[in-house]
């Protein structure tokens, strides 16, 4: 599953639209985010780690790095 579909699925599971997510993302980062700019980043798979962390926070999720070498 690509990042666009994952974010859309997680957003939908929280009863939120991508438009509302873009508004909340902009408010959290003190930047202008529109639906189109968010969608463009999702299509290009060019979200920054900071943006991904804020999106996770907005949707009440946590990003984790899991050590794949530890059984």
N, C-alpha and C. Protein backbone atom coordinates (compact mmCIF):
# COMPACT_ATOMS: atom_id res chain seq x y z
N UNK A 1 0.85 -1.17 0.00
CA UNK A 1 0.00 0.00 0.00
C UNK A 1 0.90 1.24 0.00
N UNK A 2 0.61 2.18 -0.89
CA UNK A 2 1.43 3.39 -0.94
C UNK A 2 0.97 4.39 0.13
N UNK A 3 1.78 5.42 0.32
CA UNK A 3 1.52 6.39 1.39
C UNK A 3 0.19 7.11 1.19
N UNK A 4 -0.15 7.39 -0.05
CA UNK A 4 -1.42 8.09 -0.33
C UNK A 4 -2.61 7.27 0.16
N UNK A 5 -2.64 6.02 -0.22
CA UNK A 5 -3.76 5.16 0.18
C UNK A 5 -3.77 4.92 1.69
N UNK A 6 -2.60 4.81 2.29
CA UNK A 6 -2.51 4.61 3.73
C UNK A 6 -3.06 5.81 4.49
N UNK A 7 -2.64 7.01 4.10
CA UNK A 7 -3.11 8.24 4.76
C UNK A 7 -4.61 8.41 4.53
N UNK A 8 -5.08 8.14 3.32
CA UNK A 8 -6.52 8.25 3.04
C UNK A 8 -7.31 7.27 3.91
N UNK A 9 -6.81 6.06 4.06
CA UNK A 9 -7.49 5.06 4.86
C UNK A 9 -7.51 5.46 6.34
N UNK A 10 -6.37 5.92 6.86
CA UNK A 10 -6.30 6.33 8.25
C UNK A 10 -7.17 7.55 8.52
N UNK A 11 -7.16 8.49 7.58
CA UNK A 11 -7.99 9.69 7.71
C UNK A 11 -9.46 9.32 7.74
N UNK A 12 -9.86 8.47 6.83
CA UNK A 12 -11.25 8.03 6.76
C UNK A 12 -11.66 7.28 8.02
N UNK A 13 -10.75 6.49 8.56
CA UNK A 13 -11.07 5.72 9.78
C UNK A 13 -11.33 6.63 10.97
N UNK A 14 -10.84 7.86 10.91
CA UNK A 14 -11.07 8.84 11.97
C UNK A 14 -12.23 9.78 11.63
N UNK A 15 -12.93 9.48 10.52
CA UNK A 15 -14.08 10.29 10.14
C UNK A 15 -13.69 11.68 9.67
N UNK A 16 -12.51 11.79 9.08
CA UNK A 16 -11.99 13.08 8.65
C UNK A 16 -11.75 13.06 7.15
N UNK A 17 -11.82 14.20 6.53
CA UNK A 17 -11.52 14.32 5.10
C UNK A 17 -10.08 14.78 4.93
N UNK A 18 -9.54 14.59 3.73
CA UNK A 18 -8.19 15.09 3.45
C UNK A 18 -8.18 16.62 3.51
N UNK A 19 -9.28 17.25 3.15
CA UNK A 19 -9.36 18.71 3.21
C UNK A 19 -9.21 19.18 4.66
N UNK A 20 -9.92 18.54 5.58
CA UNK A 20 -9.82 18.89 7.00
C UNK A 20 -8.43 18.57 7.53
N UNK A 21 -7.87 17.45 7.10
CA UNK A 21 -6.51 17.09 7.50
C UNK A 21 -5.53 18.16 7.04
N UNK A 22 -5.67 18.65 5.82
CA UNK A 22 -4.79 19.70 5.31
C UNK A 22 -4.91 20.96 6.16
N UNK A 23 -6.11 21.32 6.56
CA UNK A 23 -6.31 22.51 7.40
C UNK A 23 -5.62 22.33 8.75
N UNK A 24 -5.79 21.17 9.36
CA UNK A 24 -5.18 20.91 10.67
C UNK A 24 -3.66 20.85 10.55
N UNK A 25 -3.17 20.28 9.47
CA UNK A 25 -1.73 20.20 9.24
C UNK A 25 -1.14 21.60 9.13
N UNK A 26 -1.82 22.46 8.39
CA UNK A 26 -1.37 23.84 8.25
C UNK A 26 -1.35 24.57 9.58
N UNK A 27 -2.37 24.35 10.38
CA UNK A 27 -2.43 25.00 11.70
C UNK A 27 -1.31 24.50 12.61
N UNK A 28 -1.04 23.21 12.59
CA UNK A 28 0.02 22.63 13.44
C UNK A 28 1.40 23.13 13.03
N UNK A 29 1.63 23.27 11.72
CA UNK A 29 2.95 23.64 11.23
C UNK A 29 3.08 25.13 10.94
N UNK A 30 2.00 25.88 11.18
CA UNK A 30 2.00 27.32 10.89
C UNK A 30 2.38 27.60 9.44
N UNK A 31 1.80 26.82 8.55
CA UNK A 31 2.04 26.96 7.11
C UNK A 31 0.71 26.86 6.38
N UNK A 32 0.72 27.29 5.14
CA UNK A 32 -0.47 27.19 4.31
C UNK A 32 -0.51 25.81 3.67
N UNK A 33 -1.52 25.03 3.98
CA UNK A 33 -1.73 23.74 3.34
C UNK A 33 -3.13 23.72 2.79
N UNK A 34 -3.24 23.39 1.51
CA UNK A 34 -4.56 23.22 0.91
C UNK A 34 -4.73 21.72 0.62
N UNK A 35 -5.96 21.38 0.31
CA UNK A 35 -6.23 20.00 -0.10
C UNK A 35 -5.34 19.63 -1.27
N UNK A 36 -5.23 20.54 -2.25
CA UNK A 36 -4.43 20.25 -3.45
C UNK A 36 -2.95 20.08 -3.15
N UNK A 37 -2.42 20.90 -2.25
CA UNK A 37 -0.99 20.76 -1.93
C UNK A 37 -0.73 19.45 -1.18
N UNK A 38 -1.63 19.09 -0.26
CA UNK A 38 -1.48 17.82 0.44
C UNK A 38 -1.60 16.65 -0.52
N UNK A 39 -2.60 16.71 -1.38
CA UNK A 39 -2.79 15.64 -2.36
C UNK A 39 -1.58 15.51 -3.28
N UNK A 40 -1.02 16.65 -3.69
CA UNK A 40 0.18 16.62 -4.53
C UNK A 40 1.34 15.93 -3.84
N UNK A 41 1.54 16.24 -2.56
CA UNK A 41 2.62 15.60 -1.80
C UNK A 41 2.36 14.10 -1.67
N UNK A 42 1.12 13.72 -1.46
CA UNK A 42 0.79 12.30 -1.35
C UNK A 42 1.00 11.59 -2.69
N UNK A 43 0.60 12.23 -3.77
CA UNK A 43 0.78 11.63 -5.10
C UNK A 43 2.25 11.47 -5.45
N UNK A 44 3.06 12.46 -5.08
CA UNK A 44 4.50 12.41 -5.39
C UNK A 44 5.28 11.63 -4.35
N UNK A 45 4.58 11.24 -3.27
CA UNK A 45 5.22 10.57 -2.14
C UNK A 45 6.39 11.40 -1.62
N UNK A 46 6.11 12.70 -1.40
CA UNK A 46 7.16 13.62 -0.98
C UNK A 46 6.87 14.27 0.37
N UNK A 47 6.13 13.59 1.22
CA UNK A 47 5.91 14.09 2.58
C UNK A 47 7.23 14.06 3.34
N UNK A 48 7.47 15.08 4.13
CA UNK A 48 8.64 15.05 5.00
C UNK A 48 8.31 14.21 6.23
N UNK A 49 9.34 13.81 6.93
CA UNK A 49 9.13 13.05 8.16
C UNK A 49 8.35 13.89 9.16
N UNK A 50 8.65 15.17 9.25
CA UNK A 50 7.94 16.06 10.16
C UNK A 50 6.45 16.10 9.81
N UNK A 51 6.12 16.23 8.53
CA UNK A 51 4.73 16.24 8.10
C UNK A 51 4.04 14.93 8.45
N UNK A 52 4.73 13.83 8.24
CA UNK A 52 4.17 12.51 8.57
C UNK A 52 3.92 12.39 10.06
N UNK A 53 4.84 12.89 10.88
CA UNK A 53 4.66 12.85 12.33
C UNK A 53 3.47 13.68 12.77
N UNK A 54 3.30 14.85 12.17
CA UNK A 54 2.18 15.72 12.54
C UNK A 54 0.87 15.10 12.08
N UNK A 55 0.85 14.51 10.90
CA UNK A 55 -0.36 13.83 10.42
C UNK A 55 -0.73 12.70 11.37
N UNK A 56 0.26 11.92 11.78
CA UNK A 56 0.00 10.84 12.73
C UNK A 56 -0.58 11.39 14.03
N UNK A 57 -0.02 12.48 14.52
CA UNK A 57 -0.50 13.09 15.75
C UNK A 57 -1.95 13.56 15.59
N UNK A 58 -2.24 14.23 14.48
CA UNK A 58 -3.60 14.72 14.22
C UNK A 58 -4.59 13.56 14.22
N UNK A 59 -4.18 12.45 13.64
CA UNK A 59 -5.07 11.29 13.52
C UNK A 59 -5.00 10.37 14.75
N UNK A 60 -4.23 10.80 15.75
CA UNK A 60 -4.09 10.04 16.99
C UNK A 60 -3.40 8.68 16.76
N UNK A 61 -2.33 8.73 15.99
CA UNK A 61 -1.47 7.57 15.76
C UNK A 61 -0.05 7.96 16.15
N UNK A 62 0.83 6.99 16.18
CA UNK A 62 2.23 7.21 16.48
C UNK A 62 3.06 6.54 15.39
N UNK A 63 4.09 7.24 14.93
CA UNK A 63 5.03 6.63 14.00
C UNK A 63 6.12 5.93 14.80
N UNK A 64 6.45 4.73 14.45
CA UNK A 64 7.48 3.97 15.14
C UNK A 64 8.51 3.47 14.14
N UNK A 65 9.74 3.42 14.58
CA UNK A 65 10.79 2.74 13.84
C UNK A 65 11.01 1.42 14.56
N UNK A 66 10.90 0.33 13.85
CA UNK A 66 11.01 -0.99 14.43
C UNK A 66 12.31 -1.63 13.94
N UNK A 67 13.08 -2.14 14.86
CA UNK A 67 14.33 -2.81 14.52
C UNK A 67 14.00 -4.17 13.92
N UNK A 68 14.28 -4.33 12.65
CA UNK A 68 13.96 -5.56 11.95
C UNK A 68 15.01 -6.65 12.18
N UNK A 69 16.13 -6.27 12.79
CA UNK A 69 17.19 -7.24 13.06
C UNK A 69 17.01 -7.93 14.40
N UNK A 70 16.16 -7.40 15.24
CA UNK A 70 15.93 -8.01 16.54
C UNK A 70 14.72 -8.94 16.45
N UNK A 71 14.91 -10.20 16.83
CA UNK A 71 13.79 -11.15 16.72
C UNK A 71 12.68 -10.88 17.70
